[in-house]
Every structure is written in C-alpha cells, then in structure tokens.
Protein backbone atom coordinates (compact mmCIF):
# COMPACT_ATOMS: atom_id res chain seq x y z
CA MET A 1 58.29 113.24 100.90
CA ASP A 2 62.12 113.11 100.69
CA TYR A 3 62.68 111.19 103.83
CA THR A 4 66.42 111.37 103.60
CA ASN A 5 66.71 115.13 103.24
CA ILE A 6 64.11 115.98 105.79
CA LEU A 7 65.88 113.88 108.31
CA LYS A 8 69.17 115.19 107.59
CA ASP A 9 67.82 118.80 107.85
CA ILE A 10 65.97 118.44 111.10
CA SER A 11 68.29 116.01 112.94
CA THR A 12 71.25 118.50 112.81
CA TYR A 13 69.37 121.41 113.95
CA PRO A 14 70.14 122.18 117.71
CA GLY A 15 67.08 121.93 120.07
CA ILE A 16 68.08 120.85 123.60
CA SER A 17 65.32 120.39 126.13
CA GLY A 18 64.33 123.85 127.55
CA ARG A 19 65.95 125.64 124.81
CA GLU A 20 63.76 124.65 121.67
CA GLU A 21 62.83 128.21 120.77
CA SER A 22 64.89 128.57 117.54
CA PHE A 23 64.21 124.84 116.36
CA SER A 24 60.49 125.57 117.23
CA LYS A 25 60.44 128.54 114.86
CA TYR A 26 62.14 126.57 112.09
CA ILE A 27 59.53 123.65 112.45
CA LYS A 28 56.79 126.18 112.47
CA GLY A 29 57.99 127.31 108.97
CA ILE A 30 57.71 123.67 107.81
CA PHE A 31 54.12 123.26 109.30
CA ASP A 32 53.04 126.50 107.80
CA LYS A 33 53.16 124.95 104.32
CA TYR A 34 50.69 122.27 105.16
CA CYS A 35 48.36 123.54 108.02
CA ASP A 36 45.58 126.10 108.20
CA GLU A 37 47.03 127.61 111.28
CA THR A 38 50.31 127.22 113.01
CA ILE A 39 51.32 128.55 116.45
CA ILE A 40 54.08 128.23 118.99
CA ASP A 41 52.85 128.18 122.57
CA SER A 42 54.58 129.38 125.74
CA PHE A 43 56.29 126.20 126.14
CA TYR A 44 57.64 126.17 122.53
CA ASN A 45 55.38 123.38 121.50
CA VAL A 46 54.68 123.86 117.78
CA ILE A 47 50.99 123.15 117.05
CA GLY A 48 49.91 122.87 113.41
CA ILE A 49 46.05 122.80 112.93
CA LYS A 50 44.48 121.10 109.82
CA LYS A 51 40.66 121.96 109.96
CA GLY A 52 38.12 119.22 109.09
CA SER A 53 35.02 119.46 107.02
CA SER A 54 32.55 118.91 109.82
CA GLU A 55 30.90 121.78 111.60
CA LYS A 56 31.09 119.84 114.87
CA SER A 57 34.56 118.40 114.35
CA LYS A 58 36.23 116.12 116.78
CA LYS A 59 39.86 116.89 117.59
CA ILE A 60 42.70 114.43 117.03
CA MET A 61 46.05 115.24 118.40
CA ILE A 62 49.26 113.70 116.69
CA ALA A 63 52.27 114.24 118.79
CA ALA A 64 56.04 113.81 118.48
CA HIS A 65 58.61 115.58 120.52
CA LEU A 66 61.12 117.69 118.89
CA ASP A 67 63.71 118.27 121.86
CA GLU A 68 66.98 116.41 122.11
CA ILE A 69 69.33 115.39 124.96
CA GLY A 70 72.45 117.59 125.66
CA MET A 71 74.40 119.07 128.39
CA VAL A 72 74.88 122.42 130.37
CA VAL A 73 78.06 124.25 131.40
CA THR A 74 78.53 123.97 135.13
CA GLY A 75 82.01 125.42 135.60
CA ILE A 76 84.96 127.05 133.85
CA GLU A 77 88.34 125.75 134.98
CA LYS A 78 91.75 127.25 134.71
CA LYS A 79 93.28 126.88 131.24
CA GLY A 80 89.74 127.22 129.85
CA PHE A 81 88.44 123.71 130.30
CA LEU A 82 84.61 123.49 130.76
CA ARG A 83 82.89 121.27 133.40
CA PHE A 84 79.45 120.19 132.40
CA SER A 85 76.36 117.98 133.31
CA ASN A 86 73.80 116.12 131.30
CA ILE A 87 70.38 117.36 130.15
CA GLY A 88 68.18 114.24 129.62
CA GLY A 89 69.43 110.58 129.68
CA ILE A 90 73.00 110.30 128.62
CA ASP A 91 75.27 107.26 129.32
CA PRO A 92 78.73 108.85 130.22
CA LYS A 93 80.53 106.04 128.15
CA ILE A 94 79.45 107.67 124.94
CA LEU A 95 80.88 111.09 125.83
CA LEU A 96 84.50 110.30 125.46
CA ALA A 97 86.12 111.99 122.48
CA GLN A 98 82.91 113.58 121.24
CA GLU A 99 82.69 116.79 119.26
CA VAL A 100 80.23 119.26 120.77
CA VAL A 101 79.03 122.80 120.32
CA VAL A 102 78.69 125.22 123.11
CA HIS A 103 76.06 127.83 122.62
CA GLY A 104 77.33 130.86 124.38
CA LYS A 105 77.32 134.46 123.10
CA LYS A 106 78.46 132.69 119.88
CA ASP A 107 78.73 128.91 118.96
CA ILE A 108 81.98 127.57 120.00
CA ILE A 109 83.21 124.13 118.80
CA GLY A 110 84.89 121.78 121.35
CA VAL A 111 85.78 118.10 122.11
CA ILE A 112 85.33 116.13 125.33
CA GLY A 113 88.75 115.04 125.98
CA ALA A 114 89.79 111.45 127.03
CA LYS A 115 92.99 110.24 128.67
CA PRO A 116 94.94 108.03 126.20
CA PRO A 117 95.06 104.36 127.27
CA HIS A 118 98.82 104.62 127.35
CA LEU A 119 98.55 106.95 130.35
CA LEU A 120 95.88 105.08 132.30
CA LYS A 121 96.71 102.98 135.33
CA ASP A 122 95.11 99.38 135.25
CA THR A 123 92.86 100.41 138.09
CA ASP A 124 91.69 103.62 136.29
CA ALA A 125 91.06 101.66 132.93
CA LYS A 126 88.54 99.51 134.68
CA LYS A 127 86.59 102.29 136.37
CA ALA A 128 83.15 103.64 135.06
CA VAL A 129 83.22 106.97 133.26
CA LYS A 130 81.83 109.76 135.44
CA ILE A 131 80.47 113.03 133.78
CA GLN A 132 81.94 115.08 136.63
CA ASP A 133 85.38 113.76 135.72
CA LEU A 134 85.19 114.87 132.17
CA SER A 135 85.58 118.35 130.52
CA ILE A 136 85.15 120.18 127.41
CA ASP A 137 88.29 121.52 125.57
CA THR A 138 87.52 124.49 123.03
CA GLY A 139 91.25 125.35 122.59
CA LEU A 140 90.55 128.76 124.07
CA SER A 141 92.34 130.22 127.19
CA GLU A 142 90.46 130.87 130.26
CA GLU A 143 90.16 134.49 129.48
CA GLU A 144 88.72 133.77 125.90
CA VAL A 145 86.40 131.18 127.20
CA LYS A 146 84.91 133.71 129.67
CA GLU A 147 84.39 136.26 127.00
CA TYR A 148 82.07 133.93 124.98
CA ILE A 149 80.83 131.26 127.40
CA SER A 150 79.04 131.59 130.82
CA ILE A 151 77.98 128.99 133.34
CA GLY A 152 74.41 127.82 132.32
CA ASP A 153 75.18 127.77 128.59
CA PHE A 154 73.87 124.81 126.69
CA VAL A 155 75.86 122.21 124.93
CA THR A 156 74.71 120.09 122.01
CA PHE A 157 76.44 117.22 120.25
CA LYS A 158 78.13 117.89 116.79
CA ALA A 159 77.20 115.03 114.34
CA GLU A 160 76.75 114.80 110.68
CA PRO A 161 74.06 112.58 109.26
CA PHE A 162 75.18 109.82 106.93
CA LEU A 163 73.46 107.05 105.09
CA LEU A 164 74.10 103.28 105.73
CA LYS A 165 73.44 100.61 103.28
CA ASN A 166 69.77 99.34 102.76
CA LYS A 167 68.03 102.70 103.30
CA LYS A 168 69.29 103.22 106.75
CA ILE A 169 70.28 106.69 107.99
CA SER A 170 72.49 107.62 111.06
CA SER A 171 72.49 110.89 113.01
CA LYS A 172 72.09 112.49 116.50
CA SER A 173 68.63 113.29 117.74
CA LEU A 174 66.71 110.90 115.47
CA ASP A 175 64.94 110.33 118.72
CA ASN A 176 62.59 111.90 118.09
CA ARG A 177 63.30 113.86 114.92
CA GLY A 178 62.28 110.64 113.12
CA GLY A 179 58.84 111.25 114.76
CA VAL A 180 58.60 114.71 113.73
CA ALA A 181 59.40 113.62 110.06
CA VAL A 182 56.49 111.31 110.49
CA LEU A 183 54.28 114.28 111.32
CA ILE A 184 55.44 116.20 108.31
CA ASP A 185 54.74 113.14 106.16
CA ILE A 186 51.09 112.84 107.36
CA MET A 187 50.32 116.52 107.08
CA GLU A 188 51.77 116.64 103.46
CA LYS A 189 49.46 113.91 102.52
CA LEU A 190 46.45 115.06 104.38
CA LYS A 191 46.59 118.34 102.66
CA LYS A 192 45.37 116.60 99.57
CA ILE A 193 42.52 114.58 101.30
CA GLN A 194 39.19 115.70 102.61
CA HIS A 195 38.71 114.84 106.12
CA GLU A 196 35.97 115.44 108.84
CA CYS A 197 38.00 115.89 112.04
CA ASP A 198 40.23 118.75 113.04
CA VAL A 199 43.81 117.43 113.34
CA TYR A 200 46.27 119.06 115.70
CA PHE A 201 49.86 118.23 114.80
CA VAL A 202 51.98 118.89 117.84
CA ALA A 203 55.82 118.85 117.86
CA THR A 204 56.32 118.77 121.69
CA SER A 205 59.10 120.19 123.84
CA GLN A 206 60.82 118.89 126.89
CA GLU A 207 59.90 115.35 126.54
CA GLU A 208 63.51 114.30 127.46
CA VAL A 209 63.26 115.98 130.89
CA GLY A 210 59.72 114.94 132.00
CA LEU A 211 57.14 115.01 129.25
CA ARG A 212 56.36 118.61 130.03
CA GLY A 213 55.43 120.02 126.68
CA ALA A 214 52.98 117.30 126.13
CA THR A 215 51.34 117.89 129.47
CA VAL A 216 50.79 121.51 128.55
CA ALA A 217 49.66 120.89 124.94
CA ALA A 218 47.23 118.22 125.75
CA TYR A 219 45.62 120.35 128.41
CA ASN A 220 45.21 123.31 126.12
CA ILE A 221 44.07 121.49 123.09
CA ARG A 222 41.80 119.01 124.98
CA PRO A 223 41.68 116.46 122.07
CA ASP A 224 39.25 113.61 121.83
CA VAL A 225 41.93 111.20 120.70
CA ALA A 226 45.73 111.28 120.76
CA VAL A 227 48.43 109.51 118.74
CA VAL A 228 51.98 109.79 120.05
CA ILE A 229 54.73 108.97 117.63
CA ASP A 230 58.12 108.22 119.16
CA ALA A 231 61.05 105.84 119.02
CA CYS A 232 61.57 102.35 120.47
CA HIS A 233 64.74 100.27 120.61
CA GLY A 234 65.98 98.83 117.41
CA ALA A 235 67.26 95.29 117.35
CA ILE A 236 71.00 94.92 118.15
CA PRO A 237 73.15 91.92 119.04
CA GLU A 238 72.83 90.23 122.55
CA MET A 239 69.62 92.13 123.35
CA ALA A 240 66.38 90.21 124.46
CA LYS A 241 64.06 89.86 121.45
CA ASP A 242 61.13 91.08 123.58
CA LEU A 243 62.82 94.44 124.31
CA VAL A 244 63.95 95.31 120.76
CA PHE A 245 62.39 95.72 117.24
CA LYS A 246 63.73 95.05 113.70
CA LEU A 247 64.40 97.96 111.53
CA GLY A 248 62.50 98.10 108.26
CA LYS A 249 59.75 95.75 109.46
CA GLY A 250 57.32 98.64 110.31
CA PRO A 251 56.47 100.65 113.44
CA ALA A 252 55.94 99.14 116.78
CA ILE A 253 52.34 99.50 118.09
CA ALA A 254 52.29 99.77 121.80
CA VAL A 255 49.91 97.43 123.88
CA GLY A 256 49.37 98.14 127.38
CA PRO A 257 47.42 100.00 130.18
CA ASN A 258 48.79 103.45 129.11
CA LEU A 259 47.03 102.95 125.62
CA HIS A 260 43.39 102.67 124.77
CA GLY A 261 42.51 99.04 124.12
CA ASP A 262 39.75 99.55 121.42
CA LEU A 263 41.80 102.27 119.48
CA THR A 264 45.05 100.16 119.74
CA LYS A 265 43.15 97.34 118.15
CA LYS A 266 41.93 99.62 115.44
CA LEU A 267 45.53 100.47 114.63
CA ILE A 268 46.30 96.86 114.44
CA ASP A 269 43.42 96.07 112.22
CA ILE A 270 44.23 98.95 109.82
CA ALA A 271 47.73 97.72 109.44
CA LYS A 272 46.44 94.23 108.50
CA GLU A 273 43.93 95.55 106.12
CA GLU A 274 46.30 98.00 104.48
CA ASN A 275 49.10 95.49 104.33
CA ILE A 276 51.33 97.91 106.49
CA PRO A 277 54.14 96.14 108.20
CA TYR A 278 53.98 96.46 111.95
CA GLN A 279 55.26 95.02 115.26
CA ILE A 280 53.75 94.74 118.73
CA GLU A 281 55.45 96.31 121.66
CA PRO A 282 54.19 94.97 125.02
CA SER A 283 54.27 98.10 127.41
CA PRO A 284 53.00 96.93 130.86
CA GLY A 285 53.66 100.10 132.68
CA ASN A 286 54.99 103.64 132.01
CA THR A 287 55.82 103.89 128.24
CA GLY A 288 58.44 106.75 128.78
CA THR A 289 56.79 108.72 126.11
CA ASP A 290 54.38 111.64 125.79
CA ALA A 291 51.49 109.06 125.82
CA TRP A 292 52.10 108.80 129.59
CA ALA A 293 51.28 112.50 130.16
CA ILE A 294 48.57 112.78 127.45
CA GLN A 295 46.39 109.82 128.71
CA VAL A 296 45.82 111.50 132.11
CA SER A 297 45.36 115.15 130.90
CA ARG A 298 42.28 116.80 132.20
CA SER A 299 39.46 114.09 132.52
CA GLY A 300 41.53 111.48 130.36
CA ILE A 301 42.36 111.29 126.73
CA PRO A 302 42.27 108.07 124.84
CA THR A 303 45.81 107.53 123.54
CA VAL A 304 47.67 105.28 121.33
CA LEU A 305 51.51 104.98 120.59
CA VAL A 306 53.35 104.29 117.38
CA SER A 307 57.13 103.89 117.60
CA VAL A 308 59.83 103.98 114.98
CA PRO A 309 62.63 101.27 115.78
CA LEU A 310 65.84 103.06 116.41
CA LYS A 311 69.28 101.60 117.17
CA TYR A 312 71.84 103.16 119.49
CA MET A 313 69.27 105.49 121.20
CA HIS A 314 70.64 108.57 122.95
CA THR A 315 74.03 108.57 121.06
CA THR A 316 75.34 110.47 118.17
CA VAL A 317 74.76 107.59 115.82
CA GLU A 318 71.17 106.76 116.38
CA THR A 319 70.06 104.74 113.32
CA LEU A 320 66.76 104.07 111.70
CA HIS A 321 65.24 102.59 108.49
CA LEU A 322 63.68 105.07 106.02
CA ASN A 323 60.86 102.55 105.28
CA ASP A 324 59.65 102.76 108.80
CA ILE A 325 59.06 106.56 108.63
CA LYS A 326 57.03 105.70 105.51
CA TYR A 327 55.05 102.91 107.15
CA SER A 328 54.33 104.86 110.34
CA GLY A 329 53.09 107.93 108.37
CA LYS A 330 50.81 105.70 106.26
CA LEU A 331 49.47 103.79 109.43
CA VAL A 332 48.61 106.99 111.31
CA LEU A 333 47.13 108.68 108.25
CA LYS A 334 44.72 105.71 107.75
CA PHE A 335 43.92 105.87 111.40
CA ILE A 336 42.98 109.41 111.22
CA LEU A 337 40.66 108.95 108.34
CA SER A 338 39.11 105.69 109.90
CA ILE A 339 37.90 107.03 113.07
CA GLU A 340 36.08 110.21 111.69
CA GLY A 341 32.60 109.96 112.82
CA GLU A 342 33.19 107.03 114.99
CA ILE A 343 35.03 108.54 117.99
CA GLY A 344 32.01 108.66 120.30
CA GLY A 345 30.97 105.19 119.50
CA ILE A 346 34.39 103.71 120.14
CA LEU A 347 34.86 105.40 123.32
CA CYS A 348 31.34 104.79 124.73
CA CYS A 349 30.97 101.17 123.75
C-alpha cells in the first residue's frame, strides 16, 4: 500500500465527531474494493466484512475510529466574527492563528484571530487562553456571514499534510486516520489470503466524544474477539519515558485490565516470532480508546489494543512514522491468521 498518499488523502477529509456522514461514504468506497460487503450503520460506522472459509466462522472485529476533533459555531457577533466551542479535546493554546473551515451552506475559510504581542498588557500576556475569548474571522460582514453560516454549524481545521525527514508525515487528524490506514493495509493484504474467520473491519464514529460508535458497532456485530487500532503519545522532549513511545520502533501493545491477557500475550509472541518491532504500553485503567467500550459490550468481548505512536496529538501537526503503519498492519494481520480455530480454546482455558 502507498502509505504516504493514503494518509494524505484521508487525513485532509473533514469528518468531525457527529458529522461523519460524508467521510463515512468516502471510506466505504475504499472498503468496497477489498471487502465482500460494506455497510454504513445508523451511527455512520463503516463496516467492511471479509468472509472466512469456515462454515461456522468466528467473528473478529478490527476497529479504528474515523472521526476528528473540531469546533461548533455558538454565536455570530457584530462585524461578522464567529464565537465557537470545541468538539472533542482541544487545548486552547493551539487555536491562536489557526486556519479553519466553517461548514455552513457552503464551506467558508476563516482564521482564529490573535492579538499581536505589541498590543497585549503584561498581565494579559501571562493569562491562559480561553476558547470563549477567541473568535473566527471569515472576512465577511455580519449580513454576509448570516447568509451562509448558522449557529450550530461545524468547524474543522484547515491543514495540508507534508512529509518530514526519515519517513515521517505530519497532518491534522492522523489520530486516528493513521489507524484507518492500518485497516486498509490489512484488508488489502487479506484479500489475497485464505482465512477461516469472518473479519469485520470497522471505522468507528464519535470516538472523540465518548466512544459512541464503537459501543453501537460492537453490540450489533457481537464479535468473538476485537482488536482496536488507535494512536498513543509519541516521544517528545521533557516527557516521562513511560508515557511516550518512539516513532519508527513499532506499535505499542497495551497491557492492562482493559485488555485480554492471553490474547495480548499472543500479540507479543507474534511480534517476537515475526521480528516485528513493538513496544509495551502499560495501561492500568481506562485506555481512553474504543477498547474501553468494546470490552464490556453485551456479555463481554475479549479485546486487545495496538497503538501507533503519534507526536503532537490533537493539533494540526500530528506526526507519525510511516513504518509504524506498516508494522501495525503486519502484526494485526498475523494475529488474525494465528487465532483461527483457536478462539474458543484461548478464551476458555
């Protein structure tokens, strides 16, 4: 798979939590190339089904969320400035001087204004930035704004992907479009391989606002095993080493009560046997991922978590290493093939 182009393609597409419909349709078009059947459910989860060869096939769910953080218009001020609030976790410090797209009756480009340092009082310069004190400037008058934009319209960041040195890529929404790219990589390879289990590839919705799409999808699919692919924090200066993971050194396999012990061990064993680089992510509580919702769906679903290291999470310059997409795809593919015919034994032993 061409990791660079697929990431550039899907990371720029708008798909804010709760407004994934258009992006879900786009992802369905990609899934259709590799899956036997693809559907979009009532929550805009995209579910691609790759049928196995067994008549009594077990079901494996491979999930990665497709939604991104963003904003919503909360007010229209005189002279056309827009007030807004966040959707998902946004640090207000990253908002100053950002380019955005307001999705009204038509897409309108805007900027989040910032007072020049020359005009700031010393006391104001030391204050934390608050979203309620910021506004979006589209360049339009109040009358023009009201013609195209309404309170409740969604706003996404405008950012162009670019390559850094040593096979790194930077863009908005790589959390978790990187995970979606891993799904595509796996299904592309699985199309050429005979396998026993039915594999359900799920690009989930509304993860950033409460793991909601995964909750719905896991309940409806009722898989025997689930693998969640998400992002974890990449190593940056001055951060504790146990909280971050090196880019290019393979995915982080999470270990903790949210994850099934035997299946997690199997992931680690596969990585060792196949010489796939990997890292261990201790997760003593809530992983903050779809795994948290899937694990307790219905009567319980054995779940594992594989994460792609990502620097500068929830900004417009999220950065990952292309090799980690490749390593993650290879690890999860080998995992799918390894547990065929063994699921019951693993879970009952």
